[in-house]
C-alpha atoms as a PDB file:
ATOM      1  CA  MET A   1      25.535  59.107  -1.759  1.00  0.00           C
ATOM      2  CA  PRO A   2      21.759  59.566  -2.150  1.00  0.00           C
ATOM      3  CA  GLU A   3      19.720  57.379   0.176  1.00  0.00           C
ATOM      4  CA  GLY A   4      16.630  55.390  -0.684  1.00  0.00           C
ATOM      5  CA  HIS A   5      14.088  58.157  -0.223  1.00  0.00           C
ATOM      6  CA  THR A   6      15.914  60.319  -2.787  1.00  0.00           C
ATOM      7  CA  ILE A   7      15.941  57.515  -5.357  1.00  0.00           C
ATOM      8  CA  HIS A   8      12.233  56.741  -4.923  1.00  0.00           C
ATOM      9  CA  ARG A   9      11.427  60.437  -5.160  1.00  0.00           C
ATOM     10  CA  ALA A  10      13.469  60.700  -8.362  1.00  0.00           C
ATOM     11  CA  ALA A  11      11.596  57.737  -9.870  1.00  0.00           C
ATOM     12  CA  ARG A  12       8.228  59.319  -9.095  1.00  0.00           C
ATOM     13  CA  LEU A  13       9.079  62.820 -10.329  1.00  0.00           C
ATOM     14  CA  GLN A  14      10.814  61.612 -13.484  1.00  0.00           C
ATOM     15  CA  PHE A  15       7.945  59.344 -14.476  1.00  0.00           C
ATOM     16  CA  GLU A  16       5.471  62.162 -13.907  1.00  0.00           C
ATOM     17  CA  LEU A  17       7.597  64.157 -16.370  1.00  0.00           C
ATOM     18  CA  LEU A  18       8.297  61.571 -19.086  1.00  0.00           C
ATOM     19  CA  GLY A  19       6.175  58.481 -18.369  1.00  0.00           C
ATOM     20  CA  GLY A  20       4.430  56.952 -21.396  1.00  0.00           C
ATOM     21  CA  GLN A  21       6.305  59.153 -23.885  1.00  0.00           C
ATOM     22  CA  ALA A  22       8.619  58.308 -26.766  1.00  0.00           C
ATOM     23  CA  ILE A  23      12.084  59.349 -25.603  1.00  0.00           C
ATOM     24  CA  ALA A  24      14.996  60.756 -27.569  1.00  0.00           C
ATOM     25  CA  ALA A  25      18.198  59.513 -25.915  1.00  0.00           C
ATOM     26  CA  ASP A  26      21.801  60.500 -26.530  1.00  0.00           C
ATOM     27  CA  SER A  27      25.091  60.771 -24.668  1.00  0.00           C
ATOM     28  CA  PRO A  28      26.613  64.254 -24.935  1.00  0.00           C
ATOM     29  CA  GLN A  29      29.683  63.010 -23.059  1.00  0.00           C
ATOM     30  CA  GLY A  30      30.074  60.135 -25.510  1.00  0.00           C
ATOM     31  CA  ARG A  31      30.629  57.378 -22.927  1.00  0.00           C
ATOM     32  CA  PHE A  32      27.136  55.912 -23.307  1.00  0.00           C
ATOM     33  CA  MET A  33      26.532  56.290 -27.033  1.00  0.00           C
ATOM     34  CA  GLU A  34      25.746  52.615 -27.748  1.00  0.00           C
ATOM     35  CA  GLY A  35      23.430  52.328 -24.769  1.00  0.00           C
ATOM     36  CA  ALA A  36      21.567  55.521 -25.690  1.00  0.00           C
ATOM     37  CA  GLU A  37      21.068  54.238 -29.229  1.00  0.00           C
ATOM     38  CA  ARG A  38      19.341  51.087 -27.921  1.00  0.00           C
ATOM     39  CA  ILE A  39      16.618  53.080 -26.138  1.00  0.00           C
ATOM     40  CA  ASP A  40      16.422  56.082 -28.472  1.00  0.00           C
ATOM     41  CA  GLY A  41      12.886  56.577 -29.806  1.00  0.00           C
ATOM     42  CA  ARG A  42      11.325  53.994 -27.475  1.00  0.00           C
ATOM     43  CA  ARG A  43       8.436  54.686 -25.103  1.00  0.00           C
ATOM     44  CA  LEU A  44       9.256  54.899 -21.397  1.00  0.00           C
ATOM     45  CA  THR A  45       6.788  52.547 -19.666  1.00  0.00           C
ATOM     46  CA  ALA A  46       7.997  52.543 -16.040  1.00  0.00           C
ATOM     47  CA  ILE A  47      10.664  53.788 -13.648  1.00  0.00           C
ATOM     48  CA  GLU A  48      11.218  51.561 -10.631  1.00  0.00           C
ATOM     49  CA  ALA A  49      13.355  52.241  -7.570  1.00  0.00           C
ATOM     50  CA  TYR A  50      14.939  49.442  -5.557  1.00  0.00           C
ATOM     51  CA  GLY A  51      17.024  50.703  -2.657  1.00  0.00           C
ATOM     52  CA  LYS A  52      19.633  52.968  -4.232  1.00  0.00           C
ATOM     53  CA  HIS A  53      19.083  51.699  -7.788  1.00  0.00           C
ATOM     54  CA  LEU A  54      16.820  52.920 -10.588  1.00  0.00           C
ATOM     55  CA  PHE A  55      15.440  50.789 -13.416  1.00  0.00           C
ATOM     56  CA  TYR A  56      13.893  52.433 -16.475  1.00  0.00           C
ATOM     57  CA  ALA A  57      11.621  50.183 -18.546  1.00  0.00           C
ATOM     58  CA  PHE A  58      11.362  50.919 -22.261  1.00  0.00           C
ATOM     59  CA  GLU A  59       9.279  49.225 -24.904  1.00  0.00           C
ATOM     60  CA  GLY A  60      11.071  46.056 -25.883  1.00  0.00           C
ATOM     61  CA  PRO A  61      13.494  43.892 -23.889  1.00  0.00           C
ATOM     62  CA  HIS A  62      15.723  46.660 -22.561  1.00  0.00           C
ATOM     63  CA  TRP A  63      16.050  48.115 -19.074  1.00  0.00           C
ATOM     64  CA  LEU A  64      18.241  51.090 -18.217  1.00  0.00           C
ATOM     65  CA  HIS A  65      19.954  50.559 -14.843  1.00  0.00           C
ATOM     66  CA  VAL A  66      21.292  53.626 -13.004  1.00  0.00           C
ATOM     67  CA  HIS A  67      23.155  53.804  -9.707  1.00  0.00           C
ATOM     68  CA  LEU A  68      24.234  57.324  -8.772  1.00  0.00           C
ATOM     69  CA  GLY A  69      26.977  56.358  -6.321  1.00  0.00           C
ATOM     70  CA  LEU A  70      28.880  59.155  -4.615  1.00  0.00           C
ATOM     71  CA  PHE A  71      29.057  61.613  -7.505  1.00  0.00           C
ATOM     72  CA  GLY A  72      26.048  60.950  -9.734  1.00  0.00           C
ATOM     73  CA  LYS A  73      23.270  63.503 -10.043  1.00  0.00           C
ATOM     74  CA  PHE A  74      20.187  64.332 -12.092  1.00  0.00           C
ATOM     75  CA  ARG A  75      18.909  67.545 -13.563  1.00  0.00           C
ATOM     76  CA  ILE A  76      15.331  67.589 -14.825  1.00  0.00           C
ATOM     77  CA  GLY A  77      13.013  70.148 -16.301  1.00  0.00           C
ATOM     78  CA  SER A  78      10.050  70.771 -18.579  1.00  0.00           C
ATOM     79  CA  GLY A  79      10.188  71.879 -22.203  1.00  0.00           C
ATOM     80  CA  ARG A  80      13.309  71.600 -24.332  1.00  0.00           C
ATOM     81  CA  ALA A  81      16.539  70.501 -22.668  1.00  0.00           C
ATOM     82  CA  PRO A  82      19.182  73.198 -22.164  1.00  0.00           C
ATOM     83  CA  ALA A  83      22.788  72.664 -23.144  1.00  0.00           C
ATOM     84  CA  PRO A  84      24.264  69.981 -20.848  1.00  0.00           C
ATOM     85  CA  ARG A  85      26.540  71.065 -18.011  1.00  0.00           C
ATOM     86  CA  GLY A  86      29.827  69.279 -17.560  1.00  0.00           C
ATOM     87  CA  ALA A  87      30.087  65.596 -18.445  1.00  0.00           C
ATOM     88  CA  CYS A  88      26.485  64.597 -19.182  1.00  0.00           C
ATOM     89  CA  ARG A  89      26.458  60.798 -19.467  1.00  0.00           C
ATOM     90  CA  LEU A  90      22.860  60.497 -20.674  1.00  0.00           C
ATOM     91  CA  ARG A  91      20.247  62.937 -21.923  1.00  0.00           C
ATOM     92  CA  LEU A  92      16.595  61.925 -22.202  1.00  0.00           C
ATOM     93  CA  GLN A  93      14.165  64.217 -24.016  1.00  0.00           C
ATOM     94  CA  GLY A  94      10.418  63.757 -24.342  1.00  0.00           C
ATOM     95  CA  PRO A  95       7.443  65.958 -25.175  1.00  0.00           C
ATOM     96  CA  GLY A  96       6.952  66.645 -21.481  1.00  0.00           C
ATOM     97  CA  GLY A  97      10.503  67.498 -20.478  1.00  0.00           C
ATOM     98  CA  TRP A  98      14.066  66.286 -20.107  1.00  0.00           C
ATOM     99  CA  ILE A  99      16.508  64.496 -17.805  1.00  0.00           C
ATOM    100  CA  HIS A 100      20.284  64.957 -17.652  1.00  0.00           C
ATOM    101  CA  LEU A 101      22.371  62.335 -15.853  1.00  0.00           C
ATOM    102  CA  SER A 102      26.004  62.960 -14.958  1.00  0.00           C
ATOM    103  CA  GLY A 103      28.656  61.126 -12.930  1.00  0.00           C
ATOM    104  CA  PRO A 104      26.818  57.873 -12.113  1.00  0.00           C
ATOM    105  CA  THR A 105      28.600  54.808 -10.804  1.00  0.00           C
ATOM    106  CA  ALA A 106      26.449  52.639 -13.094  1.00  0.00           C
ATOM    107  CA  CYS A 107      24.615  53.514 -16.298  1.00  0.00           C
ATOM    108  CA  GLU A 108      23.972  50.406 -18.366  1.00  0.00           C
ATOM    109  CA  ILE A 109      21.477  48.584 -20.536  1.00  0.00           C
ATOM    110  CA  ILE A 110      20.443  45.192 -19.153  1.00  0.00           C
ATOM    111  CA  GLY A 111      17.900  42.498 -19.952  1.00  0.00           C
ATOM    112  CA  ALA A 112      15.066  41.185 -17.823  1.00  0.00           C
ATOM    113  CA  ALA A 113      16.986  38.085 -16.674  1.00  0.00           C
ATOM    114  CA  GLU A 114      20.000  40.150 -15.614  1.00  0.00           C
ATOM    115  CA  ARG A 115      17.715  42.498 -13.712  1.00  0.00           C
ATOM    116  CA  ARG A 116      16.130  39.579 -11.836  1.00  0.00           C
ATOM    117  CA  ARG A 117      19.538  38.206 -10.867  1.00  0.00           C
ATOM    118  CA  PHE A 118      20.607  41.632  -9.642  1.00  0.00           C
ATOM    119  CA  LEU A 119      17.491  42.114  -7.504  1.00  0.00           C
ATOM    120  CA  ALA A 120      17.938  38.680  -5.942  1.00  0.00           C
ATOM    121  CA  ARG A 121      21.251  39.871  -4.486  1.00  0.00           C
ATOM    122  CA  ILE A 122      19.966  42.957  -2.667  1.00  0.00           C
ATOM    123  CA  GLY A 123      17.911  43.125   0.497  1.00  0.00           C
ATOM    124  CA  PRO A 124      14.281  44.145   0.899  1.00  0.00           C
ATOM    125  CA  ASP A 125      13.480  47.818   0.467  1.00  0.00           C
ATOM    126  CA  PRO A 126      11.366  49.456   3.226  1.00  0.00           C
ATOM    127  CA  LEU A 127       9.844  51.816   0.651  1.00  0.00           C
ATOM    128  CA  ARG A 128       8.526  49.078  -1.628  1.00  0.00           C
ATOM    129  CA  PRO A 129       5.012  48.050  -0.508  1.00  0.00           C
ATOM    130  CA  GLY A 130       5.516  44.413  -1.497  1.00  0.00           C
ATOM    131  CA  ASP A 131       8.813  43.936   0.335  1.00  0.00           C
ATOM    132  CA  ARG A 132       8.720  42.129   3.679  1.00  0.00           C
ATOM    133  CA  PRO A 133      11.365  42.280   6.437  1.00  0.00           C
ATOM    134  CA  ALA A 134      11.597  38.556   7.260  1.00  0.00           C
ATOM    135  CA  ARG A 135      14.776  37.927   5.254  1.00  0.00           C
ATOM    136  CA  ALA A 136      16.505  40.998   6.700  1.00  0.00           C
ATOM    137  CA  ILE A 137      15.493  40.128  10.267  1.00  0.00           C
ATOM    138  CA  THR A 138      16.872  36.599   9.905  1.00  0.00           C
ATOM    139  CA  ARG A 139      20.163  37.863   8.470  1.00  0.00           C
ATOM    140  CA  ILE A 140      20.617  40.360  11.292  1.00  0.00           C
ATOM    141  CA  MET A 141      19.693  38.019  14.134  1.00  0.00           C
ATOM    142  CA  ARG A 142      22.095  35.321  12.892  1.00  0.00           C
ATOM    143  CA  SER A 143      25.035  37.677  12.439  1.00  0.00           C
ATOM    144  CA  GLY A 144      27.848  38.564  14.792  1.00  0.00           C
ATOM    145  CA  THR A 145      28.503  41.714  12.758  1.00  0.00           C
ATOM    146  CA  ALA A 146      27.834  45.106  14.327  1.00  0.00           C
ATOM    147  CA  PHE A 147      24.312  46.419  13.798  1.00  0.00           C
ATOM    148  CA  GLY A 148      25.713  49.652  12.365  1.00  0.00           C
ATOM    149  CA  VAL A 149      27.478  47.671   9.633  1.00  0.00           C
ATOM    150  CA  LEU A 150      24.444  45.510   8.866  1.00  0.00           C
ATOM    151  CA  LEU A 151      22.204  48.550   8.400  1.00  0.00           C
ATOM    152  CA  MET A 152      24.534  49.830   5.667  1.00  0.00           C
ATOM    153  CA  ASP A 153      24.819  46.441   3.957  1.00  0.00           C
ATOM    154  CA  GLN A 154      22.592  46.695   0.883  1.00  0.00           C
ATOM    155  CA  SER A 155      22.285  42.905   0.714  1.00  0.00           C
ATOM    156  CA  VAL A 156      20.574  43.007   4.135  1.00  0.00           C
ATOM    157  CA  ILE A 157      18.327  46.071   3.791  1.00  0.00           C
ATOM    158  CA  SER A 158      18.435  48.206   0.655  1.00  0.00           C
ATOM    159  CA  GLY A 159      18.170  51.974   0.668  1.00  0.00           C
ATOM    160  CA  ILE A 160      19.666  52.739   4.089  1.00  0.00           C
ATOM    161  CA  GLY A 161      22.600  55.145   3.938  1.00  0.00           C
ATOM    162  CA  ASN A 162      24.839  56.815   6.485  1.00  0.00           C
ATOM    163  CA  VAL A 163      22.316  59.373   7.715  1.00  0.00           C
ATOM    164  CA  TYR A 164      19.489  56.906   8.257  1.00  0.00           C
ATOM    165  CA  ARG A 165      21.904  54.394   9.780  1.00  0.00           C
ATOM    166  CA  ALA A 166      22.867  56.784  12.565  1.00  0.00           C
ATOM    167  CA  GLU A 167      19.359  58.096  13.113  1.00  0.00           C
ATOM    168  CA  LEU A 168      17.591  54.723  13.104  1.00  0.00           C
ATOM    169  CA  ALA A 169      20.033  53.268  15.642  1.00  0.00           C
ATOM    170  CA  PHE A 170      19.565  56.294  17.892  1.00  0.00           C
ATOM    171  CA  ARG A 171      15.768  56.237  17.705  1.00  0.00           C
ATOM    172  CA  ALA A 172      15.854  52.536  18.592  1.00  0.00           C
ATOM    173  CA  GLY A 173      18.277  53.075  21.485  1.00  0.00           C
ATOM    174  CA  ILE A 174      20.679  50.527  19.987  1.00  0.00           C
ATOM    175  CA  ALA A 175      24.448  50.972  20.192  1.00  0.00           C
ATOM    176  CA  PRO A 176      25.777  50.646  16.623  1.00  0.00           C
ATOM    177  CA  VAL A 177      28.497  48.234  17.814  1.00  0.00           C
ATOM    178  CA  THR A 178      25.877  45.744  19.087  1.00  0.00           C
ATOM    179  CA  PRO A 179      26.215  42.400  17.265  1.00  0.00           C
ATOM    180  CA  GLY A 180      23.073  41.571  15.325  1.00  0.00           C
ATOM    181  CA  ARG A 181      22.604  38.273  17.127  1.00  0.00           C
ATOM    182  CA  LEU A 182      22.120  40.100  20.456  1.00  0.00           C
ATOM    183  CA  LEU A 183      19.009  41.870  19.160  1.00  0.00           C
ATOM    184  CA  THR A 184      15.494  40.542  19.545  1.00  0.00           C
ATOM    185  CA  ARG A 185      13.135  40.012  16.635  1.00  0.00           C
ATOM    186  CA  ALA A 186      10.857  42.692  18.056  1.00  0.00           C
ATOM    187  CA  ALA A 187      13.724  45.215  18.149  1.00  0.00           C
ATOM    188  CA  VAL A 188      14.756  44.577  14.532  1.00  0.00           C
ATOM    189  CA  LEU A 189      11.152  44.657  13.317  1.00  0.00           C
ATOM    190  CA  ALA A 190      10.677  47.990  15.080  1.00  0.00           C
ATOM    191  CA  VAL A 191      13.711  49.409  13.230  1.00  0.00           C
ATOM    192  CA  TRP A 192      12.287  48.186   9.904  1.00  0.00           C
ATOM    193  CA  ARG A 193       8.944  49.857  10.612  1.00  0.00           C
ATOM    194  CA  ASP A 194      10.672  53.059  11.711  1.00  0.00           C
ATOM    195  CA  ALA A 195      12.785  53.024   8.533  1.00  0.00           C
ATOM    196  CA  ARG A 196       9.660  52.651   6.412  1.00  0.00           C
ATOM    197  CA  MET A 197       7.998  55.593   8.149  1.00  0.00           C
ATOM    198  CA  LEU A 198      11.038  57.890   7.949  1.00  0.00           C
ATOM    199  CA  LEU A 199      11.847  57.001   4.329  1.00  0.00           C
ATOM    200  CA  ARG A 200       8.251  57.603   3.266  1.00  0.00           C
ATOM    201  CA  ASP A 201       8.335  61.020   4.887  1.00  0.00           C
ATOM    202  CA  GLY A 202      11.672  61.765   3.211  1.00  0.00           C
ATOM    203  CA  GLU A 203      10.348  60.700  -0.201  1.00  0.00           C
ATOM    204  CA  ARG A 204       7.339  62.960   0.207  1.00  0.00           C
ATOM    205  CA  THR A 205       9.193  66.058   1.444  1.00  0.00           C
ATOM    206  CA  GLY A 206      12.597  65.638  -0.199  1.00  0.00           C
ATOM    207  CA  ARG A 207      14.510  65.974   3.077  1.00  0.00           C
ATOM    208  CA  ILE A 208      15.409  63.916   6.133  1.00  0.00           C
ATOM    209  CA  VAL A 209      13.792  64.840   9.459  1.00  0.00           C
ATOM    210  CA  THR A 210      14.081  62.266  12.258  1.00  0.00           C
ATOM    211  CA  THR A 211      13.525  64.269  15.444  1.00  0.00           C
ATOM    212  CA  HIS A 212      10.297  64.286  17.437  1.00  0.00           C
ATOM    213  CA  PRO A 213       8.888  67.778  18.086  1.00  0.00           C
ATOM    214  CA  ALA A 214       9.187  67.242  21.852  1.00  0.00           C
ATOM    215  CA  ASP A 215      12.974  66.797  21.505  1.00  0.00           C
ATOM    216  CA  ARG A 216      13.535  70.023  19.575  1.00  0.00           C
ATOM    217  CA  PRO A 217      14.512  73.249  21.342  1.00  0.00           C
ATOM    218  CA  HIS A 218      11.825  74.971  19.240  1.00  0.00           C
ATOM    219  CA  PRO A 219       9.041  72.357  18.944  1.00  0.00           C
ATOM    220  CA  ALA A 220       6.494  74.588  17.236  1.00  0.00           C
ATOM    221  CA  GLY A 221       6.482  75.645  13.609  1.00  0.00           C
ATOM    222  CA  THR A 222       9.141  74.953  10.968  1.00  0.00           C
ATOM    223  CA  VAL A 223      11.964  72.590  11.894  1.00  0.00           C
ATOM    224  CA  ARG A 224      15.063  74.750  12.240  1.00  0.00           C
ATOM    225  CA  ALA A 225      18.597  73.992  11.083  1.00  0.00           C
ATOM    226  CA  GLY A 226      20.357  71.791  13.596  1.00  0.00           C
ATOM    227  CA  GLU A 227      17.089  70.327  14.864  1.00  0.00           C
ATOM    228  CA  ARG A 228      16.280  67.911  12.013  1.00  0.00           C
ATOM    229  CA  LEU A 229      18.630  65.104  13.131  1.00  0.00           C
ATOM    230  CA  TYR A 230      19.526  63.575  16.473  1.00  0.00           C
ATOM    231  CA  VAL A 231      23.162  62.551  15.991  1.00  0.00           C
ATOM    232  CA  TYR A 232      24.327  62.747  12.356  1.00  0.00           C
ATOM    233  CA  HIS A 233      27.026  65.430  11.876  1.00  0.00           C
ATOM    234  CA  ARG A 234      26.634  66.523  15.508  1.00  0.00           C
ATOM    235  CA  THR A 235      29.989  65.399  16.912  1.00  0.00           C
ATOM    236  CA  GLY A 236      30.613  66.973  20.321  1.00  0.00           C
ATOM    237  CA  LYS A 237      27.231  68.683  20.413  1.00  0.00           C
ATOM    238  CA  PRO A 238      24.822  67.838  23.244  1.00  0.00           C
ATOM    239  CA  CYS A 239      22.319  65.072  22.631  1.00  0.00           C
ATOM    240  CA  LEU A 240      18.869  66.555  22.085  1.00  0.00           C
ATOM    241  CA  ARG A 241      17.449  64.115  24.634  1.00  0.00           C
ATOM    242  CA  CYS A 242      20.011  63.791  27.407  1.00  0.00           C
ATOM    243  CA  GLY A 243      22.692  66.452  26.796  1.00  0.00           C
ATOM    244  CA  THR A 244      25.584  63.945  26.490  1.00  0.00           C
ATOM    245  CA  PRO A 245      28.115  64.956  23.790  1.00  0.00           C
ATOM    246  CA  ILE A 246      27.609  63.028  20.548  1.00  0.00           C
ATOM    247  CA  GLU A 247      30.523  60.754  19.652  1.00  0.00           C
ATOM    248  CA  THR A 248      31.836  59.600  16.292  1.00  0.00           C
ATOM    249  CA  GLU A 249      34.097  56.933  14.824  1.00  0.00           C
ATOM    250  CA  ILE A 250      34.652  55.200  11.493  1.00  0.00           C
ATOM    251  CA  MET A 251      32.480  52.152  10.816  1.00  0.00           C
ATOM    252  CA  ALA A 252      32.100  50.438   7.425  1.00  0.00           C
ATOM    253  CA  ALA A 253      34.365  53.133   5.915  1.00  0.00           C
ATOM    254  CA  ARG A 254      31.924  55.903   6.877  1.00  0.00           C
ATOM    255  CA  LYS A 255      31.626  58.214   9.872  1.00  0.00           C
ATOM    256  CA  LEU A 256      29.247  56.900  12.496  1.00  0.00           C
ATOM    257  CA  TYR A 257      27.514  59.098  15.092  1.00  0.00           C
ATOM    258  CA  TRP A 258      25.833  58.033  18.331  1.00  0.00           C
ATOM    259  CA  CYS A 259      24.982  59.071  21.890  1.00  0.00           C
ATOM    260  CA  PRO A 260      26.805  56.880  24.449  1.00  0.00           C
ATOM    261  CA  HIS A 261      24.094  57.509  27.057  1.00  0.00           C
ATOM    262  CA  CYS A 262      20.974  56.930  24.949  1.00  0.00           C
ATOM    263  CA  GLN A 263      22.629  54.040  23.092  1.00  0.00           C
ATOM    264  CA  PRO A 264      24.541  52.101  25.756  1.00  0.00           C
ATOM    265  CA  GLU A 265      26.738  49.241  24.628  1.00  0.00           C
ATOM    266  CA  PRO A 266      25.488  45.788  25.658  1.00  0.00           C
ATOM    267  CA  MET A 267      27.331  44.254  28.589  1.00  0.00           C
ATOM    268  CA  PRO A 268      28.752  40.810  27.763  1.00  0.00           C
ATOM    269  CA  SER A 269      27.741  37.993  30.083  1.00  0.00           C
ATOM    270  CA  SER A 270      30.304  36.292  32.316  1.00  0.00           C
ATOM    271  CA  ALA A 271      30.085  33.166  30.124  1.00  0.00           C
ATOM    272  CA  LYS A 272      30.820  35.221  27.033  1.00  0.00           C
ATOM    273  CA  ILE A 273      33.789  36.917  28.690  1.00  0.00           C
ATOM    274  CA  ALA A 274      35.125  33.486  29.715  1.00  0.00           C
ATOM    275  CA  GLY A 275      34.714  32.236  26.143  1.00  0.00           C
ATOM    276  CA  MET A 276      36.557  35.250  24.737  1.00  0.00           C
ATOM    277  CA  ARG A 277      39.392  34.661  27.243  1.00  0.00           C
ATOM    278  CA  GLU A 278      39.586  30.972  26.299  1.00  0.00           C
ATOM    279  CA  ARG A 279      39.720  31.752  22.573  1.00  0.00           C
ATOM    280  CA  ARG A 280      42.552  34.216  23.144  1.00  0.00           C
ATOM    281  CA  LEU A 281      44.512  31.601  25.125  1.00  0.00           C
ATOM    282  CA  LYS A 282      44.029  29.020  22.365  1.00  0.00           C
ATOM    283  CA  LYS A 283      45.040  31.360  19.564  1.00  0.00           C
ATOM    284  CA  PRO A 284      48.174  29.895  17.888  1.00  0.00           C
ATOM    285  CA  ARG A 285      51.333  31.909  17.963  1.00  0.00           C
ATOM    286  CA  VAL A 286      52.723  33.191  14.685  1.00  0.00           C
ATOM    287  CA  ALA A 287      56.426  32.824  14.044  1.00  0.00           C
ATOM    288  CA  ALA A 288      58.351  35.996  13.325  1.00  0.00           C
ATOM    289  CA  GLY A 289      58.162  36.886   9.653  1.00  0.00           C
ATOM    290  CA  GLN A 290      55.366  34.384   8.911  1.00  0.00           C
ATOM    291  CA  ASP A 291      52.761  35.664   6.440  1.00  0.00           C
ATOM    292  CA  THR A 292      49.285  35.455   7.979  1.00  0.00           C
ATOM    293  CA  ALA A 293      47.390  36.970   5.052  1.00  0.00           C
ATOM    294  CA  SER A 294      44.645  34.837   3.606  1.00  0.00           C
END
């Protein structure tokens, strides 16, 4: 699934191509015919990215909401649009160029009120200049959920995907299994600022590079394959900083990567261990065959 930097980059490049133009819209696939008719012939006034979502503003009350999901993708180009490839959900054509959208999780026409309600449900976006981290920091510091899960929760911080999750936790030296409430405000704020820096660089270049030159085997010149990331997709390979083999497990239904030496798990206090033991002793027994599902 594309991460936030890809979505912001798409918004910028697409508006440079079609912004301010009257757009011809249709649905070659046929699944979005009514929606395409509602924006056909209208001028495209803005394209806004929020996390992993895109909102296209057209003259009038309509917004086009797009979420690519796992399989969605864009094709764009100048001049006249070529014949669509595969199942093209939406085709936009303007004097300056064209956009083909295929396979999105969401492609819908919404109103301004619906858009506001949607945005109220997602977390702040590190790439949006007006977004502040206070709400995300509070959510994380009050939660007993693992930090690696919270980073992927779009209602906490929007735009962070599996690659940035692994890399941000590594750069911060935080074990992904660490409960959010064990982190300091300074630590969470540092992750937010690091996310903003890395996402901005990714939006500008179109790729993710998280390693410092000093940690790369070849620090000078172009970043080589295998040197762009610290832990993501590097299971069993030596950590670029300490040489410890990178480990992996499933967290929040996605593969998680980390270095057990550079990201040590927090040691529970004796009081916490005693509390965990007491809760286990007090846990009621379940009779054989009793349904415990809630």
